[in-house]
Amino acid sequence: MAVSTPRIPRVEATTCPYRLVLEHVTSRWGVLALIHLLDRPHRFSELRRAIGQVSEKMLTQTLQTLERDGLVHRDAKPVIPPRVDYSLTDLGREAAEQVRDLATWTRERMADVEKAREAYDEARDARSRAL
């Protein structure tokens, strides 16, 4: 008896609504923001330091996009100086756990990826020399 695999939705069409969410969740800064917010809520500056090498503008845009998608909650407290905390919604926690699993797999399989890259580069170089 054949084992059925879940049907994977097609994501080629640029008008596909879940393609945009997939891009938001798997973007360079989206992945890192979601993973860091799994631990606990963060203030903007804390999150920026935790992620590292992200501009204020890019992190702001990323958080706004994730908030619009219902993955991140922005809690602005009316105090001086202003305090804004970011946390995951239930939907965001679910997405962040998936992204964290992918990041863990990537870290664990990096040696295999590096071997594959070396083999590819060697084969490409050999083809170039043969021409």
C-alpha atoms as a PDB file:
ATOM      1  CA  MET A   1       0.000   0.000   0.000  1.00  0.00           C
ATOM      2  CA  ALA A   2       1.409   3.360  -1.031  1.00  0.00           C
ATOM      3  CA  VAL A   3       1.961   5.982   1.617  1.00  0.00           C
ATOM      4  CA  SER A   4       0.267   9.213   0.694  1.00  0.00           C
ATOM      5  CA  THR A   5       2.068  12.450   1.273  1.00  0.00           C
ATOM      6  CA  PRO A   6       0.228  15.648   2.049  1.00  0.00           C
ATOM      7  CA  ARG A   7      -0.587  17.690  -1.025  1.00  0.00           C
ATOM      8  CA  ILE A   8       1.707  20.681  -1.208  1.00  0.00           C
ATOM      9  CA  PRO A   9      -0.017  23.777  -2.549  1.00  0.00           C
ATOM     10  CA  ARG A  10       1.408  25.329  -5.686  1.00  0.00           C
ATOM     11  CA  VAL A  11       3.233  28.549  -4.941  1.00  0.00           C
ATOM     12  CA  GLU A  12       4.355  29.627  -8.401  1.00  0.00           C
ATOM     13  CA  ALA A  13       1.747  32.259  -9.055  1.00  0.00           C
ATOM     14  CA  THR A  14       2.817  35.667  -7.809  1.00  0.00           C
ATOM     15  CA  THR A  15      -0.817  36.428  -7.001  1.00  0.00           C
ATOM     16  CA  CYS A  16      -1.069  33.455  -4.659  1.00  0.00           C
ATOM     17  CA  PRO A  17      -1.995  34.875  -1.226  1.00  0.00           C
ATOM     18  CA  TYR A  18      -0.060  32.349   0.825  1.00  0.00           C
ATOM     19  CA  ARG A  19       3.066  32.915  -1.264  1.00  0.00           C
ATOM     20  CA  LEU A  20       3.339  36.398   0.245  1.00  0.00           C
ATOM     21  CA  VAL A  21       2.978  35.053   3.779  1.00  0.00           C
ATOM     22  CA  LEU A  22       5.583  32.390   2.993  1.00  0.00           C
ATOM     23  CA  GLU A  23       7.926  35.126   1.782  1.00  0.00           C
ATOM     24  CA  HIS A  24       7.313  37.163   4.946  1.00  0.00           C
ATOM     25  CA  VAL A  25       7.888  34.227   7.292  1.00  0.00           C
ATOM     26  CA  THR A  26      10.984  32.963   5.466  1.00  0.00           C
ATOM     27  CA  SER A  27      12.573  36.318   4.712  1.00  0.00           C
ATOM     28  CA  ARG A  28      16.047  36.928   6.086  1.00  0.00           C
ATOM     29  CA  TRP A  29      14.848  39.129   8.943  1.00  0.00           C
ATOM     30  CA  GLY A  30      11.443  37.495   9.346  1.00  0.00           C
ATOM     31  CA  VAL A  31      13.002  34.151  10.231  1.00  0.00           C
ATOM     32  CA  LEU A  32      15.316  35.693  12.808  1.00  0.00           C
ATOM     33  CA  ALA A  33      12.628  37.902  14.364  1.00  0.00           C
ATOM     34  CA  LEU A  34      10.233  34.975  14.732  1.00  0.00           C
ATOM     35  CA  ILE A  35      12.881  32.709  16.254  1.00  0.00           C
ATOM     36  CA  HIS A  36      13.994  35.340  18.789  1.00  0.00           C
ATOM     37  CA  LEU A  37      10.419  36.145  19.762  1.00  0.00           C
ATOM     38  CA  LEU A  38       9.828  32.469  20.580  1.00  0.00           C
ATOM     39  CA  ASP A  39      11.826  32.953  23.785  1.00  0.00           C
ATOM     40  CA  ARG A  40       9.921  35.953  25.109  1.00  0.00           C
ATOM     41  CA  PRO A  41       8.596  39.384  24.137  1.00  0.00           C
ATOM     42  CA  HIS A  42      11.284  41.872  23.174  1.00  0.00           C
ATOM     43  CA  ARG A  43      11.543  45.623  22.980  1.00  0.00           C
ATOM     44  CA  PHE A  44      12.555  46.875  19.549  1.00  0.00           C
ATOM     45  CA  SER A  45      16.141  47.644  20.553  1.00  0.00           C
ATOM     46  CA  GLU A  46      16.546  44.269  22.292  1.00  0.00           C
ATOM     47  CA  LEU A  47      15.305  42.460  19.221  1.00  0.00           C
ATOM     48  CA  ARG A  48      17.582  44.457  16.955  1.00  0.00           C
ATOM     49  CA  ARG A  49      20.619  43.623  19.111  1.00  0.00           C
ATOM     50  CA  ALA A  50      19.624  39.946  19.307  1.00  0.00           C
ATOM     51  CA  ILE A  51      19.279  39.680  15.527  1.00  0.00           C
ATOM     52  CA  GLY A  52      22.367  41.753  14.728  1.00  0.00           C
ATOM     53  CA  GLN A  53      23.284  43.440  11.438  1.00  0.00           C
ATOM     54  CA  VAL A  54      19.727  44.556  10.682  1.00  0.00           C
ATOM     55  CA  SER A  55      18.973  48.204  10.060  1.00  0.00           C
ATOM     56  CA  GLU A  56      16.283  49.944  12.054  1.00  0.00           C
ATOM     57  CA  LYS A  57      14.324  50.505   8.846  1.00  0.00           C
ATOM     58  CA  MET A  58      14.423  46.830   7.786  1.00  0.00           C
ATOM     59  CA  LEU A  59      13.459  45.545  11.217  1.00  0.00           C
ATOM     60  CA  THR A  60      10.603  48.049  11.418  1.00  0.00           C
ATOM     61  CA  GLN A  61       9.316  46.959   8.000  1.00  0.00           C
ATOM     62  CA  THR A  62       9.663  43.290   8.897  1.00  0.00           C
ATOM     63  CA  LEU A  63       7.803  43.671  12.183  1.00  0.00           C
ATOM     64  CA  GLN A  64       5.033  45.708  10.536  1.00  0.00           C
ATOM     65  CA  THR A  65       4.607  43.042   7.858  1.00  0.00           C
ATOM     66  CA  LEU A  66       4.517  40.226  10.429  1.00  0.00           C
ATOM     67  CA  GLU A  67       2.066  42.240  12.535  1.00  0.00           C
ATOM     68  CA  ARG A  68      -0.188  42.770   9.508  1.00  0.00           C
ATOM     69  CA  ASP A  69      -0.097  39.018   8.812  1.00  0.00           C
ATOM     70  CA  GLY A  70      -1.253  38.380  12.389  1.00  0.00           C
ATOM     71  CA  LEU A  71       1.999  36.769  13.514  1.00  0.00           C
ATOM     72  CA  VAL A  72       3.403  39.507  15.763  1.00  0.00           C
ATOM     73  CA  HIS A  73       1.655  41.638  18.371  1.00  0.00           C
ATOM     74  CA  ARG A  74       2.883  45.196  18.942  1.00  0.00           C
ATOM     75  CA  ASP A  75       2.158  46.547  22.404  1.00  0.00           C
ATOM     76  CA  ALA A  76       2.826  50.297  22.658  1.00  0.00           C
ATOM     77  CA  LYS A  77       2.701  51.541  26.235  1.00  0.00           C
ATOM     78  CA  PRO A  78       1.826  55.215  26.798  1.00  0.00           C
ATOM     79  CA  VAL A  79       4.832  56.067  28.948  1.00  0.00           C
ATOM     80  CA  ILE A  80       7.756  58.435  28.616  1.00  0.00           C
ATOM     81  CA  PRO A  81       9.997  57.437  27.022  1.00  0.00           C
ATOM     82  CA  PRO A  82       7.712  55.359  24.787  1.00  0.00           C
ATOM     83  CA  ARG A  83       7.918  51.608  25.308  1.00  0.00           C
ATOM     84  CA  VAL A  84       6.965  49.158  22.585  1.00  0.00           C
ATOM     85  CA  ASP A  85       7.089  45.417  23.120  1.00  0.00           C
ATOM     86  CA  TYR A  86       6.787  42.797  20.390  1.00  0.00           C
ATOM     87  CA  SER A  87       5.514  39.290  21.019  1.00  0.00           C
ATOM     88  CA  LEU A  88       4.167  36.397  18.998  1.00  0.00           C
ATOM     89  CA  THR A  89       0.497  35.727  18.532  1.00  0.00           C
ATOM     90  CA  ASP A  90      -0.682  32.109  18.672  1.00  0.00           C
ATOM     91  CA  LEU A  91      -0.458  32.019  14.880  1.00  0.00           C
ATOM     92  CA  GLY A  92       3.010  33.548  15.030  1.00  0.00           C
ATOM     93  CA  ARG A  93       4.187  31.011  17.609  1.00  0.00           C
ATOM     94  CA  GLU A  94       3.040  28.207  15.330  1.00  0.00           C
ATOM     95  CA  ALA A  95       4.916  29.710  12.368  1.00  0.00           C
ATOM     96  CA  ALA A  96       8.012  30.441  14.488  1.00  0.00           C
ATOM     97  CA  GLU A  97       8.202  26.837  15.666  1.00  0.00           C
ATOM     98  CA  GLN A  98       8.155  25.654  12.046  1.00  0.00           C
ATOM     99  CA  VAL A  99      10.862  28.135  11.057  1.00  0.00           C
ATOM    100  CA  ARG A 100      12.962  27.186  14.099  1.00  0.00           C
ATOM    101  CA  ASP A 101      12.786  23.523  13.070  1.00  0.00           C
ATOM    102  CA  LEU A 102      14.024  24.434   9.595  1.00  0.00           C
ATOM    103  CA  ALA A 103      16.839  26.526  11.079  1.00  0.00           C
ATOM    104  CA  THR A 104      17.811  23.631  13.354  1.00  0.00           C
ATOM    105  CA  TRP A 105      17.848  21.227  10.410  1.00  0.00           C
ATOM    106  CA  THR A 106      20.010  23.671   8.447  1.00  0.00           C
ATOM    107  CA  ARG A 107      22.521  23.961  11.285  1.00  0.00           C
ATOM    108  CA  GLU A 108      22.650  20.190  11.767  1.00  0.00           C
ATOM    109  CA  ARG A 109      23.092  19.473   8.038  1.00  0.00           C
ATOM    110  CA  MET A 110      25.511  22.287   7.216  1.00  0.00           C
ATOM    111  CA  ALA A 111      28.480  19.913   6.854  1.00  0.00           C
ATOM    112  CA  ASP A 112      26.557  17.981   4.187  1.00  0.00           C
ATOM    113  CA  VAL A 113      25.671  21.204   2.404  1.00  0.00           C
ATOM    114  CA  GLU A 114      29.313  22.292   2.416  1.00  0.00           C
ATOM    115  CA  LYS A 115      30.383  18.912   0.963  1.00  0.00           C
ATOM    116  CA  ALA A 116      27.769  19.231  -1.765  1.00  0.00           C
ATOM    117  CA  ARG A 117      28.962  22.744  -2.591  1.00  0.00           C
ATOM    118  CA  GLU A 118      32.577  21.593  -2.814  1.00  0.00           C
ATOM    119  CA  ALA A 119      31.634  18.690  -5.105  1.00  0.00           C
ATOM    120  CA  TYR A 120      29.577  21.014  -7.300  1.00  0.00           C
ATOM    121  CA  ASP A 121      32.392  23.592  -7.533  1.00  0.00           C
ATOM    122  CA  GLU A 122      34.978  20.919  -8.327  1.00  0.00           C
ATOM    123  CA  ALA A 123      32.783  19.428 -11.068  1.00  0.00           C
ATOM    124  CA  ARG A 124      32.097  22.885 -12.520  1.00  0.00           C
ATOM    125  CA  ASP A 125      35.791  23.744 -12.488  1.00  0.00           C
ATOM    126  CA  ALA A 126      36.647  20.419 -14.164  1.00  0.00           C
ATOM    127  CA  ARG A 127      34.089  21.134 -16.924  1.00  0.00           C
ATOM    128  CA  SER A 128      35.514  24.620 -17.413  1.00  0.00           C
ATOM    129  CA  ARG A 129      39.061  23.260 -17.731  1.00  0.00           C
ATOM    130  CA  ALA A 130      37.896  20.601 -20.210  1.00  0.00           C
ATOM    131  CA  LEU A 131      36.489  23.267 -22.543  1.00  0.00           C
END
